C-alpha atoms as a PDB file:
ATOM      1  CA  MET A   1     -11.218 -20.598  39.097  1.00  0.00           C
ATOM      2  CA  LYS A   2     -13.734 -22.615  37.060  1.00  0.00           C
ATOM      3  CA  LYS A   3     -15.992 -19.568  36.752  1.00  0.00           C
ATOM      4  CA  ASN A   4     -13.157 -17.558  35.188  1.00  0.00           C
ATOM      5  CA  TRP A   5     -12.572 -20.302  32.616  1.00  0.00           C
ATOM      6  CA  LEU A   6     -16.284 -20.438  31.852  1.00  0.00           C
ATOM      7  CA  LYS A   7     -16.351 -16.655  31.325  1.00  0.00           C
ATOM      8  CA  LEU A   8     -13.342 -16.912  29.025  1.00  0.00           C
ATOM      9  CA  ILE A   9     -14.976 -19.702  27.018  1.00  0.00           C
ATOM     10  CA  LYS A  10     -18.189 -17.637  26.699  1.00  0.00           C
ATOM     11  CA  VAL A  11     -16.173 -14.657  25.432  1.00  0.00           C
ATOM     12  CA  ILE A  12     -14.402 -16.866  22.891  1.00  0.00           C
ATOM     13  CA  ILE A  13     -17.700 -18.357  21.692  1.00  0.00           C
ATOM     14  CA  ILE A  14     -19.292 -14.907  21.377  1.00  0.00           C
ATOM     15  CA  THR A  15     -16.231 -13.666  19.483  1.00  0.00           C
ATOM     16  CA  LEU A  16     -16.300 -16.669  17.172  1.00  0.00           C
ATOM     17  CA  SER A  17     -20.018 -16.154  16.589  1.00  0.00           C
ATOM     18  CA  PHE A  18     -19.451 -12.524  15.666  1.00  0.00           C
ATOM     19  CA  THR A  19     -16.498 -13.393  13.412  1.00  0.00           C
ATOM     20  CA  ALA A  20     -18.478 -16.142  11.714  1.00  0.00           C
ATOM     21  CA  LYS A  21     -21.017 -13.534  10.510  1.00  0.00           C
ATOM     22  CA  MET A  22     -18.432 -12.117   8.114  1.00  0.00           C
ATOM     23  CA  VAL A  23     -18.922 -14.450   5.180  1.00  0.00           C
ATOM     24  CA  TYR A  24     -16.226 -14.752   2.524  1.00  0.00           C
ATOM     25  CA  SER A  25     -17.031 -17.679   0.276  1.00  0.00           C
ATOM     26  CA  ASP A  26     -20.813 -17.277   0.126  1.00  0.00           C
ATOM     27  CA  ALA A  27     -20.899 -13.558  -0.603  1.00  0.00           C
ATOM     28  CA  PRO A  28     -23.256 -12.745  -3.474  1.00  0.00           C
ATOM     29  CA  PHE A  29     -20.666 -10.462  -5.079  1.00  0.00           C
ATOM     30  CA  THR A  30     -17.025 -10.636  -6.199  1.00  0.00           C
ATOM     31  CA  LEU A  31     -14.292  -8.038  -6.718  1.00  0.00           C
ATOM     32  CA  THR A  32     -11.540  -7.857  -9.304  1.00  0.00           C
ATOM     33  CA  ILE A  33      -8.743  -5.307  -8.858  1.00  0.00           C
ATOM     34  CA  GLU A  34      -6.309  -4.231 -11.609  1.00  0.00           C
ATOM     35  CA  PRO A  35      -3.360  -3.952 -11.654  1.00  0.00           C
ATOM     36  CA  GLU A  36      -2.395  -6.643  -9.164  1.00  0.00           C
ATOM     37  CA  GLU A  37       1.176  -5.305  -8.799  1.00  0.00           C
ATOM     38  CA  GLN A  38       2.668  -1.829  -9.194  1.00  0.00           C
ATOM     39  CA  THR A  39       6.021  -0.168  -8.565  1.00  0.00           C
ATOM     40  CA  VAL A  40       5.612   3.445  -7.503  1.00  0.00           C
ATOM     41  CA  ASN A  41       7.430   6.416  -6.000  1.00  0.00           C
ATOM     42  CA  ILE A  42       6.482   8.504  -2.983  1.00  0.00           C
ATOM     43  CA  GLY A  43       4.054  11.180  -4.187  1.00  0.00           C
ATOM     44  CA  ASP A  44       2.865   9.184  -7.234  1.00  0.00           C
ATOM     45  CA  GLU A  45      -0.825   8.895  -7.954  1.00  0.00           C
ATOM     46  CA  VAL A  46      -1.918   5.253  -7.942  1.00  0.00           C
ATOM     47  CA  THR A  47      -5.091   4.202  -9.731  1.00  0.00           C
ATOM     48  CA  TYR A  48      -6.960   0.923  -9.348  1.00  0.00           C
ATOM     49  CA  GLU A  49      -9.725  -0.348 -11.587  1.00  0.00           C
ATOM     50  CA  ILE A  50     -12.287  -2.149  -9.444  1.00  0.00           C
ATOM     51  CA  SER A  51     -14.861  -4.467 -11.034  1.00  0.00           C
ATOM     52  CA  VAL A  52     -17.891  -5.726  -9.120  1.00  0.00           C
ATOM     53  CA  GLU A  53     -19.879  -8.761 -10.249  1.00  0.00           C
ATOM     54  CA  ALA A  54     -22.985  -9.847  -8.346  1.00  0.00           C
ATOM     55  CA  GLU A  55     -25.380 -12.749  -8.356  1.00  0.00           C
ATOM     56  CA  GLU A  56     -28.724 -12.164 -10.000  1.00  0.00           C
ATOM     57  CA  GLY A  57     -31.133 -10.603  -7.523  1.00  0.00           C
ATOM     58  CA  PHE A  58     -28.418  -9.014  -5.331  1.00  0.00           C
ATOM     59  CA  ASN A  59     -29.589  -5.402  -4.927  1.00  0.00           C
ATOM     60  CA  GLU A  60     -27.708  -4.182  -1.860  1.00  0.00           C
ATOM     61  CA  SER A  61     -25.193  -1.333  -1.636  1.00  0.00           C
ATOM     62  CA  ILE A  62     -21.521  -2.191  -1.131  1.00  0.00           C
ATOM     63  CA  ARG A  63     -19.180  -0.029   0.966  1.00  0.00           C
ATOM     64  CA  PHE A  64     -15.519  -0.081  -0.062  1.00  0.00           C
ATOM     65  CA  GLU A  65     -12.290   0.731   1.713  1.00  0.00           C
ATOM     66  CA  LEU A  66      -8.635   0.446   0.766  1.00  0.00           C
ATOM     67  CA  GLU A  67      -6.114  -0.421   3.469  1.00  0.00           C
ATOM     68  CA  VAL A  68      -2.439   0.117   2.638  1.00  0.00           C
ATOM     69  CA  SER A  69       0.185  -1.272   5.004  1.00  0.00           C
ATOM     70  CA  ALA A  70       3.953  -1.776   4.979  1.00  0.00           C
ATOM     71  CA  LEU A  71       6.097  -2.729   7.948  1.00  0.00           C
ATOM     72  CA  ALA A  72       4.727  -0.759  10.929  1.00  0.00           C
ATOM     73  CA  TRP A  73       2.917   1.811   8.747  1.00  0.00           C
ATOM     74  CA  ASN A  74      -0.804   1.513   7.985  1.00  0.00           C
ATOM     75  CA  THR A  75      -3.633   3.720   6.674  1.00  0.00           C
ATOM     76  CA  VAL A  76      -7.199   3.182   5.486  1.00  0.00           C
ATOM     77  CA  PHE A  77      -8.848   5.125   2.655  1.00  0.00           C
ATOM     78  CA  ASP A  78     -12.647   5.361   2.450  1.00  0.00           C
ATOM     79  CA  VAL A  79     -13.359   4.508  -1.197  1.00  0.00           C
ATOM     80  CA  GLY A  80     -17.113   5.083  -0.965  1.00  0.00           C
ATOM     81  CA  ILE A  81     -20.435   3.294  -1.419  1.00  0.00           C
ATOM     82  CA  LEU A  82     -21.564   1.642  -4.634  1.00  0.00           C
ATOM     83  CA  ASP A  83     -25.266   1.203  -5.318  1.00  0.00           C
ATOM     84  CA  PRO A  84     -26.754  -1.364  -7.722  1.00  0.00           C
ATOM     85  CA  PRO A  85     -27.181  -2.301 -10.540  1.00  0.00           C
ATOM     86  CA  TYR A  86     -24.259  -4.685 -11.024  1.00  0.00           C
ATOM     87  CA  PRO A  87     -21.933  -5.497 -12.768  1.00  0.00           C
ATOM     88  CA  PHE A  88     -20.143  -2.202 -12.326  1.00  0.00           C
ATOM     89  CA  GLU A  89     -16.596  -0.933 -12.905  1.00  0.00           C
ATOM     90  CA  PHE A  90     -15.002   2.142 -11.361  1.00  0.00           C
ATOM     91  CA  THR A  91     -11.568   3.590 -10.675  1.00  0.00           C
ATOM     92  CA  TYR A  92     -10.109   4.778  -7.394  1.00  0.00           C
ATOM     93  CA  SER A  93      -6.952   6.906  -7.173  1.00  0.00           C
ATOM     94  CA  PHE A  94      -4.833   8.058  -4.245  1.00  0.00           C
ATOM     95  CA  ILE A  95      -1.425   9.651  -3.699  1.00  0.00           C
ATOM     96  CA  ILE A  96       1.368   7.530  -2.173  1.00  0.00           C
ATOM     97  CA  PRO A  97       1.932   9.211   1.217  1.00  0.00           C
ATOM     98  CA  GLU A  98       5.399  10.424   2.245  1.00  0.00           C
ATOM     99  CA  GLU A  99       5.191   8.349   5.433  1.00  0.00           C
ATOM    100  CA  LEU A 100       5.247   5.057   3.500  1.00  0.00           C
ATOM    101  CA  PRO A 101       8.603   3.279   4.007  1.00  0.00           C
ATOM    102  CA  ILE A 102      10.822   3.611   0.909  1.00  0.00           C
ATOM    103  CA  GLY A 103      11.945   0.311  -0.583  1.00  0.00           C
ATOM    104  CA  ALA A 104       9.142  -1.614   1.131  1.00  0.00           C
ATOM    105  CA  THR A 105       6.546  -3.795  -0.503  1.00  0.00           C
ATOM    106  CA  ALA A 106       3.145  -2.713   0.713  1.00  0.00           C
ATOM    107  CA  SER A 107      -0.039  -4.707   0.595  1.00  0.00           C
ATOM    108  CA  ALA A 108      -3.179  -2.944  -0.502  1.00  0.00           C
ATOM    109  CA  ILE A 109      -6.382  -4.656   0.564  1.00  0.00           C
ATOM    110  CA  VAL A 110      -9.584  -3.579  -1.149  1.00  0.00           C
ATOM    111  CA  THR A 111     -12.566  -4.666   0.957  1.00  0.00           C
ATOM    112  CA  GLY A 112     -16.231  -4.614   0.010  1.00  0.00           C
ATOM    113  CA  TYR A 113     -18.843  -4.766   2.806  1.00  0.00           C
ATOM    114  CA  SER A 114     -22.537  -5.407   2.353  1.00  0.00           C
ATOM    115  CA  GLY A 115     -24.662  -6.449   5.332  1.00  0.00           C
ATOM    116  CA  ASP A 116     -23.000  -9.520   6.841  1.00  0.00           C
ATOM    117  CA  TYR A 117     -20.792 -10.048   3.783  1.00  0.00           C
ATOM    118  CA  LYS A 118     -17.156  -9.086   3.415  1.00  0.00           C
ATOM    119  CA  VAL A 119     -15.054  -9.630   0.302  1.00  0.00           C
ATOM    120  CA  GLU A 120     -11.321  -8.812   0.140  1.00  0.00           C
ATOM    121  CA  GLU A 121      -8.851  -8.631  -2.711  1.00  0.00           C
ATOM    122  CA  ILE A 122      -5.141  -8.064  -2.047  1.00  0.00           C
ATOM    123  CA  VAL A 123      -2.776  -6.319  -4.441  1.00  0.00           C
ATOM    124  CA  SER A 124       0.827  -5.253  -3.950  1.00  0.00           C
ATOM    125  CA  LEU A 125       2.739  -1.976  -4.193  1.00  0.00           C
ATOM    126  CA  THR A 126       6.536  -1.768  -4.293  1.00  0.00           C
ATOM    127  CA  ILE A 127       7.792   1.637  -3.152  1.00  0.00           C
ATOM    128  CA  ASN A 128      10.859   2.687  -5.157  1.00  0.00           C
ATOM    129  CA  ASP A 129      13.945   3.988  -3.417  1.00  0.00           C
ATOM    130  CA  PRO A 130      14.733   6.956  -5.634  1.00  0.00           C
ATOM    131  CA  GLY A 131      18.204   7.335  -4.114  1.00  0.00           C
ATOM    132  CA  PHE A 132      20.322  10.386  -4.832  1.00  0.00           C
ATOM    133  CA  GLU A 133      19.832  11.622  -8.360  1.00  0.00           C
ATOM    134  CA  ILE A 134      20.513  14.723 -10.405  1.00  0.00           C
ATOM    135  CA  PRO A 135      18.214  14.754 -13.434  1.00  0.00           C
ATOM    136  CA  GLY A 136      20.102  13.997 -16.649  1.00  0.00           C
ATOM    137  CA  PHE A 137      23.180  12.536 -14.922  1.00  0.00           C
ATOM    138  CA  PRO A 138      23.621   8.838 -14.178  1.00  0.00           C
ATOM    139  CA  ILE A 139      24.676   8.094 -10.604  1.00  0.00           C
ATOM    140  CA  GLU A 140      28.043   6.704 -11.790  1.00  0.00           C
ATOM    141  CA  SER A 141      28.951  10.065 -13.345  1.00  0.00           C
ATOM    142  CA  ILE A 142      28.076  11.874 -10.138  1.00  0.00           C
ATOM    143  CA  ILE A 143      30.246   9.512  -8.059  1.00  0.00           C
ATOM    144  CA  MET A 144      33.229   9.741 -10.459  1.00  0.00           C
ATOM    145  CA  GLY A 145      32.951  13.539 -10.610  1.00  0.00           C
ATOM    146  CA  GLY A 146      32.853  13.763  -6.814  1.00  0.00           C
ATOM    147  CA  LEU A 147      35.893  11.477  -6.460  1.00  0.00           C
ATOM    148  CA  SER A 148      37.827  13.540  -9.032  1.00  0.00           C
ATOM    149  CA  VAL A 149      37.143  16.743  -7.122  1.00  0.00           C
ATOM    150  CA  MET A 150      38.197  15.120  -3.815  1.00  0.00           C
ATOM    151  CA  ILE A 151      41.495  13.844  -5.306  1.00  0.00           C
ATOM    152  CA  PHE A 152      42.211  17.238  -6.882  1.00  0.00           C
ATOM    153  CA  LEU A 153      41.640  19.016  -3.540  1.00  0.00           C
ATOM    154  CA  TRP A 154      43.805  16.468  -1.716  1.00  0.00           C
ATOM    155  CA  VAL A 155      46.703  16.956  -4.190  1.00  0.00           C
ATOM    156  CA  ILE A 156      46.487  20.753  -3.941  1.00  0.00           C
ATOM    157  CA  LYS A 157      46.538  20.599  -0.158  1.00  0.00           C
ATOM    158  CA  LYS A 158      49.621  18.334  -0.179  1.00  0.00           C
ATOM    159  CA  GLU A 159      51.646  20.773  -2.282  1.00  0.00           C
ATOM    160  CA  LYS A 160      53.033  23.493  -0.052  1.00  0.00           C
ATOM    161  CA  PRO A 161      53.906  26.779  -1.666  1.00  0.00           C
ATOM    162  CA  SER A 162      57.626  27.573  -1.593  1.00  0.00           C
ATOM    163  CA  THR A 163      58.685  30.522   0.494  1.00  0.00           C
ATOM    164  CA  ILE A 164      61.053  33.196  -0.840  1.00  0.00           C
ATOM    165  CA  ALA A 165      63.801  34.048   1.517  1.00  0.00           C
END
């Protein structure tokens, strides 16, 4: 029984050692993502402006990915690799997938990896619920028109034609 606990403790220590290699606060580069919040529709193209600042002397490449998740849905986009010199600004665009839950607020995490360093910035996406809409007609007009037609049909059905004897 003690041996099993010792194995478990070794696994935890190894895991913690591996996790500790991913440095957040001491990374020699920072990310800034704009805009921080967006409201979008399914199928819209979303564009982020990503700025990279680096300490003097930092000459390593940075690999970027964008992870978008909402409720039980999740996907990761490979943004690409950025080579020095820094500072550098670039844009990344993607289409809001149809599988993303409508009405949800999704988090978008932009992560930069370089060697043992990992830097994350989180932004938010609100996915609009477009509802039922006919272009050029407000929803209230559609509802009132539909109710009027239903009442008219109900009245016509109630009136029975007279029979001639």
